[in-house]
Amino acid sequence: MKNYLASRKFSGKAEPAISAIETTLLPNSFKVTKATAAAIELKGPGLRSTKENPIRGASEIKVEARHGKLHLEASLCGIRFLAIFVIVFPFLLMATLALLPVILAGGDFEQFNPSILLIMAPWVLISPMAVVWMRKRTMRALDDMLENAVVLGERK
């Protein structure tokens, strides 16, 4: 796991903090794999669209209250499907658009228009930037969830 680690000072009760984690993750289709009064482990479905809650970018999450801190450990493999799609799809689309006239002309490469490949140039930068953006959104969502759990666990 351990793609992302975070911890916050915590002097409250573990149960309300863990409950806050459950309240955030269970409606996002996460499944509890292990739970105690002071810790919880969950598995998520992964991110299939940028319109979904970015917290789904974490495929496994473990939150534990120990030694005066609330610790979060997460695997960010949930963004893998969307990251592969964002990187591969534009290249396949441009290859198809470039080669389709050649195929329809029965293999006549005079129909090949290399200028269509110039459309691909921005995607060399856009695709990796989109993957970084998705990863940062997921990390921000995990940080927000952890902060909320700390506040709710310390509430009197």
C-alpha atoms as a PDB file:
ATOM      1  CA  MET A   1       0.000   0.000   0.000  1.00  0.00           C
ATOM      2  CA  LYS A   2       1.811   3.194   1.161  1.00  0.00           C
ATOM      3  CA  ASN A   3       1.486   5.380  -1.940  1.00  0.00           C
ATOM      4  CA  TYR A   4       0.291   8.114   0.366  1.00  0.00           C
ATOM      5  CA  LEU A   5       0.910   8.617   4.081  1.00  0.00           C
ATOM      6  CA  ALA A   6      -0.477  11.347   6.304  1.00  0.00           C
ATOM      7  CA  SER A   7      -0.932  11.868  10.024  1.00  0.00           C
ATOM      8  CA  ARG A   8      -2.414  14.553  12.242  1.00  0.00           C
ATOM      9  CA  LYS A   9      -2.123  15.242  15.948  1.00  0.00           C
ATOM     10  CA  PHE A  10      -5.118  13.698  17.635  1.00  0.00           C
ATOM     11  CA  SER A  11      -6.203  13.910  21.252  1.00  0.00           C
ATOM     12  CA  GLY A  12      -9.830  12.842  20.893  1.00  0.00           C
ATOM     13  CA  LYS A  13     -11.728   9.600  20.909  1.00  0.00           C
ATOM     14  CA  ALA A  14     -10.962   7.127  18.160  1.00  0.00           C
ATOM     15  CA  GLU A  15     -14.519   5.862  17.625  1.00  0.00           C
ATOM     16  CA  PRO A  16     -16.058   9.147  16.372  1.00  0.00           C
ATOM     17  CA  ALA A  17     -13.040   9.721  14.129  1.00  0.00           C
ATOM     18  CA  ILE A  18     -13.304   6.233  12.636  1.00  0.00           C
ATOM     19  CA  SER A  19     -17.049   6.750  12.258  1.00  0.00           C
ATOM     20  CA  ALA A  20     -16.373   9.951  10.284  1.00  0.00           C
ATOM     21  CA  ILE A  21     -14.095   7.979   7.968  1.00  0.00           C
ATOM     22  CA  GLU A  22     -16.850   5.391   7.456  1.00  0.00           C
ATOM     23  CA  THR A  23     -19.411   8.116   6.800  1.00  0.00           C
ATOM     24  CA  THR A  24     -17.197   9.535   4.065  1.00  0.00           C
ATOM     25  CA  LEU A  25     -16.114   6.318   2.373  1.00  0.00           C
ATOM     26  CA  LEU A  26     -19.057   3.915   2.549  1.00  0.00           C
ATOM     27  CA  PRO A  27     -21.361   6.062   0.344  1.00  0.00           C
ATOM     28  CA  ASN A  28     -18.508   6.111  -2.208  1.00  0.00           C
ATOM     29  CA  SER A  29     -18.705   2.313  -2.605  1.00  0.00           C
ATOM     30  CA  PHE A  30     -15.784   1.464  -0.335  1.00  0.00           C
ATOM     31  CA  LYS A  31     -15.963  -1.898   1.435  1.00  0.00           C
ATOM     32  CA  VAL A  32     -14.720  -2.406   4.999  1.00  0.00           C
ATOM     33  CA  THR A  33     -12.097  -5.159   5.104  1.00  0.00           C
ATOM     34  CA  LYS A  34     -11.043  -4.807   8.746  1.00  0.00           C
ATOM     35  CA  ALA A  35     -12.333  -2.689  11.610  1.00  0.00           C
ATOM     36  CA  THR A  36     -11.594  -2.159  15.288  1.00  0.00           C
ATOM     37  CA  ALA A  37     -12.471   0.646  17.681  1.00  0.00           C
ATOM     38  CA  ALA A  38      -9.209   2.451  16.821  1.00  0.00           C
ATOM     39  CA  ALA A  39      -8.572   1.454  13.185  1.00  0.00           C
ATOM     40  CA  ILE A  40     -10.310   0.714   9.918  1.00  0.00           C
ATOM     41  CA  GLU A  41      -9.217  -0.683   6.556  1.00  0.00           C
ATOM     42  CA  LEU A  42     -11.263  -0.270   3.378  1.00  0.00           C
ATOM     43  CA  LYS A  43     -11.034  -1.144  -0.315  1.00  0.00           C
ATOM     44  CA  GLY A  44     -12.430   1.149  -2.981  1.00  0.00           C
ATOM     45  CA  PRO A  45     -13.837   0.665  -6.474  1.00  0.00           C
ATOM     46  CA  GLY A  46     -11.429   2.990  -8.258  1.00  0.00           C
ATOM     47  CA  LEU A  47     -11.985   6.166 -10.227  1.00  0.00           C
ATOM     48  CA  ARG A  48     -13.747   5.803 -13.583  1.00  0.00           C
ATOM     49  CA  SER A  49     -14.555   9.456 -14.294  1.00  0.00           C
ATOM     50  CA  THR A  50     -13.349  12.882 -13.216  1.00  0.00           C
ATOM     51  CA  LYS A  51     -16.962  13.630 -12.234  1.00  0.00           C
ATOM     52  CA  GLU A  52     -16.786  11.066  -9.420  1.00  0.00           C
ATOM     53  CA  ASN A  53     -15.637  11.908  -5.911  1.00  0.00           C
ATOM     54  CA  PRO A  54     -11.822  12.133  -6.100  1.00  0.00           C
ATOM     55  CA  ILE A  55     -11.503  10.081  -2.905  1.00  0.00           C
ATOM     56  CA  ARG A  56     -12.298   7.056  -5.088  1.00  0.00           C
ATOM     57  CA  GLY A  57      -8.800   7.436  -6.517  1.00  0.00           C
ATOM     58  CA  ALA A  58      -7.580   5.560  -3.447  1.00  0.00           C
ATOM     59  CA  SER A  59      -7.967   1.814  -3.872  1.00  0.00           C
ATOM     60  CA  GLU A  60      -7.071   0.883  -0.293  1.00  0.00           C
ATOM     61  CA  ILE A  61      -7.240   3.031   2.814  1.00  0.00           C
ATOM     62  CA  LYS A  62      -6.135   2.328   6.358  1.00  0.00           C
ATOM     63  CA  VAL A  63      -6.804   4.820   9.166  1.00  0.00           C
ATOM     64  CA  GLU A  64      -5.532   4.205  12.679  1.00  0.00           C
ATOM     65  CA  ALA A  65      -5.521   6.192  15.915  1.00  0.00           C
ATOM     66  CA  ARG A  66      -2.304   5.571  17.873  1.00  0.00           C
ATOM     67  CA  HIS A  67       0.339   7.422  19.849  1.00  0.00           C
ATOM     68  CA  GLY A  68      -1.601  10.698  19.914  1.00  0.00           C
ATOM     69  CA  LYS A  69      -2.010  10.831  16.138  1.00  0.00           C
ATOM     70  CA  LEU A  70      -4.500   9.796  13.508  1.00  0.00           C
ATOM     71  CA  HIS A  71      -2.566   7.992  10.756  1.00  0.00           C
ATOM     72  CA  LEU A  72      -3.767   7.499   7.188  1.00  0.00           C
ATOM     73  CA  GLU A  73      -2.136   5.124   4.738  1.00  0.00           C
ATOM     74  CA  ALA A  74      -3.527   4.837   1.216  1.00  0.00           C
ATOM     75  CA  SER A  75      -2.794   3.188  -2.094  1.00  0.00           C
ATOM     76  CA  LEU A  76      -3.611   5.475  -5.023  1.00  0.00           C
ATOM     77  CA  CYS A  77      -4.055   2.656  -7.545  1.00  0.00           C
ATOM     78  CA  GLY A  78      -7.703   3.680  -7.971  1.00  0.00           C
ATOM     79  CA  ILE A  79      -6.689   6.299 -10.526  1.00  0.00           C
ATOM     80  CA  ARG A  80      -4.854   3.713 -12.650  1.00  0.00           C
ATOM     81  CA  PHE A  81      -7.755   2.970 -15.044  1.00  0.00           C
ATOM     82  CA  LEU A  82      -8.492   6.623 -15.696  1.00  0.00           C
ATOM     83  CA  ALA A  83      -4.783   7.485 -15.986  1.00  0.00           C
ATOM     84  CA  ILE A  84      -4.226   4.780 -18.601  1.00  0.00           C
ATOM     85  CA  PHE A  85      -7.311   5.924 -20.493  1.00  0.00           C
ATOM     86  CA  VAL A  86      -6.216   9.582 -20.494  1.00  0.00           C
ATOM     87  CA  ILE A  87      -2.769   8.655 -21.794  1.00  0.00           C
ATOM     88  CA  VAL A  88      -3.680   5.946 -24.338  1.00  0.00           C
ATOM     89  CA  PHE A  89      -6.995   7.133 -25.823  1.00  0.00           C
ATOM     90  CA  PRO A  90      -5.769  10.333 -27.544  1.00  0.00           C
ATOM     91  CA  PHE A  91      -2.884   8.452 -29.174  1.00  0.00           C
ATOM     92  CA  LEU A  92      -5.148   5.673 -30.428  1.00  0.00           C
ATOM     93  CA  LEU A  93      -7.666   8.193 -31.720  1.00  0.00           C
ATOM     94  CA  MET A  94      -5.041  10.118 -33.666  1.00  0.00           C
ATOM     95  CA  ALA A  95      -3.529   6.905 -35.083  1.00  0.00           C
ATOM     96  CA  THR A  96      -6.990   5.845 -36.220  1.00  0.00           C
ATOM     97  CA  LEU A  97      -7.727   9.221 -37.778  1.00  0.00           C
ATOM     98  CA  ALA A  98      -4.360   9.241 -39.524  1.00  0.00           C
ATOM     99  CA  LEU A  99      -4.549   5.679 -40.864  1.00  0.00           C
ATOM    100  CA  LEU A 100      -8.262   5.411 -41.673  1.00  0.00           C
ATOM    101  CA  PRO A 101      -7.948   7.189 -45.060  1.00  0.00           C
ATOM    102  CA  VAL A 102      -5.051   4.846 -45.954  1.00  0.00           C
ATOM    103  CA  ILE A 103      -7.091   1.772 -45.032  1.00  0.00           C
ATOM    104  CA  LEU A 104     -10.156   3.002 -46.914  1.00  0.00           C
ATOM    105  CA  ALA A 105      -7.989   3.728 -49.979  1.00  0.00           C
ATOM    106  CA  GLY A 106      -6.802   0.118 -49.990  1.00  0.00           C
ATOM    107  CA  GLY A 107      -3.355   0.751 -48.576  1.00  0.00           C
ATOM    108  CA  ASP A 108      -2.539   3.787 -50.694  1.00  0.00           C
ATOM    109  CA  PHE A 109      -0.151   5.747 -48.463  1.00  0.00           C
ATOM    110  CA  GLU A 110      -0.584   8.834 -50.613  1.00  0.00           C
ATOM    111  CA  GLN A 111      -3.802   9.304 -48.611  1.00  0.00           C
ATOM    112  CA  PHE A 112      -1.783   9.548 -45.402  1.00  0.00           C
ATOM    113  CA  ASN A 113      -1.838  13.078 -44.021  1.00  0.00           C
ATOM    114  CA  PRO A 114       0.988  13.518 -41.455  1.00  0.00           C
ATOM    115  CA  SER A 115      -0.312  16.947 -40.415  1.00  0.00           C
ATOM    116  CA  ILE A 116      -3.080  15.225 -38.462  1.00  0.00           C
ATOM    117  CA  LEU A 117      -0.369  13.943 -36.129  1.00  0.00           C
ATOM    118  CA  LEU A 118       0.401  17.551 -35.148  1.00  0.00           C
ATOM    119  CA  ILE A 119      -2.943  17.565 -33.368  1.00  0.00           C
ATOM    120  CA  MET A 120      -1.392  14.961 -31.077  1.00  0.00           C
ATOM    121  CA  ALA A 121       1.460  17.219 -29.919  1.00  0.00           C
ATOM    122  CA  PRO A 122      -0.406  18.954 -27.064  1.00  0.00           C
ATOM    123  CA  TRP A 123      -1.513  15.585 -25.653  1.00  0.00           C
ATOM    124  CA  VAL A 124       2.102  14.699 -24.967  1.00  0.00           C
ATOM    125  CA  LEU A 125       1.915  17.355 -22.226  1.00  0.00           C
ATOM    126  CA  ILE A 126      -1.796  17.323 -21.379  1.00  0.00           C
ATOM    127  CA  SER A 127      -2.049  13.602 -20.576  1.00  0.00           C
ATOM    128  CA  PRO A 128       0.678  13.456 -17.889  1.00  0.00           C
ATOM    129  CA  MET A 129      -0.584  16.744 -16.429  1.00  0.00           C
ATOM    130  CA  ALA A 130      -4.092  15.270 -16.173  1.00  0.00           C
ATOM    131  CA  VAL A 131      -2.733  12.230 -14.324  1.00  0.00           C
ATOM    132  CA  VAL A 132      -0.855  14.456 -11.855  1.00  0.00           C
ATOM    133  CA  TRP A 133      -4.008  16.551 -11.384  1.00  0.00           C
ATOM    134  CA  MET A 134      -6.099  13.426 -10.615  1.00  0.00           C
ATOM    135  CA  ARG A 135      -3.507  12.214  -8.113  1.00  0.00           C
ATOM    136  CA  LYS A 136      -3.375  15.607  -6.356  1.00  0.00           C
ATOM    137  CA  ARG A 137      -7.197  15.762  -6.184  1.00  0.00           C
ATOM    138  CA  THR A 138      -7.240  12.340  -4.514  1.00  0.00           C
ATOM    139  CA  MET A 139      -4.552  13.347  -2.011  1.00  0.00           C
ATOM    140  CA  ARG A 140      -6.447  16.571  -1.205  1.00  0.00           C
ATOM    141  CA  ALA A 141      -9.651  14.592  -0.649  1.00  0.00           C
ATOM    142  CA  LEU A 142      -7.801  12.192   1.682  1.00  0.00           C
ATOM    143  CA  ASP A 143      -6.311  15.131   3.610  1.00  0.00           C
ATOM    144  CA  ASP A 144      -9.743  16.743   3.969  1.00  0.00           C
ATOM    145  CA  MET A 145     -11.246  13.474   5.186  1.00  0.00           C
ATOM    146  CA  LEU A 146      -8.455  13.068   7.758  1.00  0.00           C
ATOM    147  CA  GLU A 147      -8.856  16.663   8.978  1.00  0.00           C
ATOM    148  CA  ASN A 148     -12.617  16.181   9.353  1.00  0.00           C
ATOM    149  CA  ALA A 149     -12.073  12.937  11.263  1.00  0.00           C
ATOM    150  CA  VAL A 150      -9.683  14.698  13.664  1.00  0.00           C
ATOM    151  CA  VAL A 151     -12.128  17.536  14.310  1.00  0.00           C
ATOM    152  CA  LEU A 152     -15.086  15.180  14.801  1.00  0.00           C
ATOM    153  CA  GLY A 153     -13.029  12.869  17.040  1.00  0.00           C
ATOM    154  CA  GLU A 154     -11.986  15.782  19.261  1.00  0.00           C
ATOM    155  CA  ARG A 155     -15.473  17.258  19.464  1.00  0.00           C
ATOM    156  CA  LYS A 156     -16.798  17.415  23.025  1.00  0.00           C
END
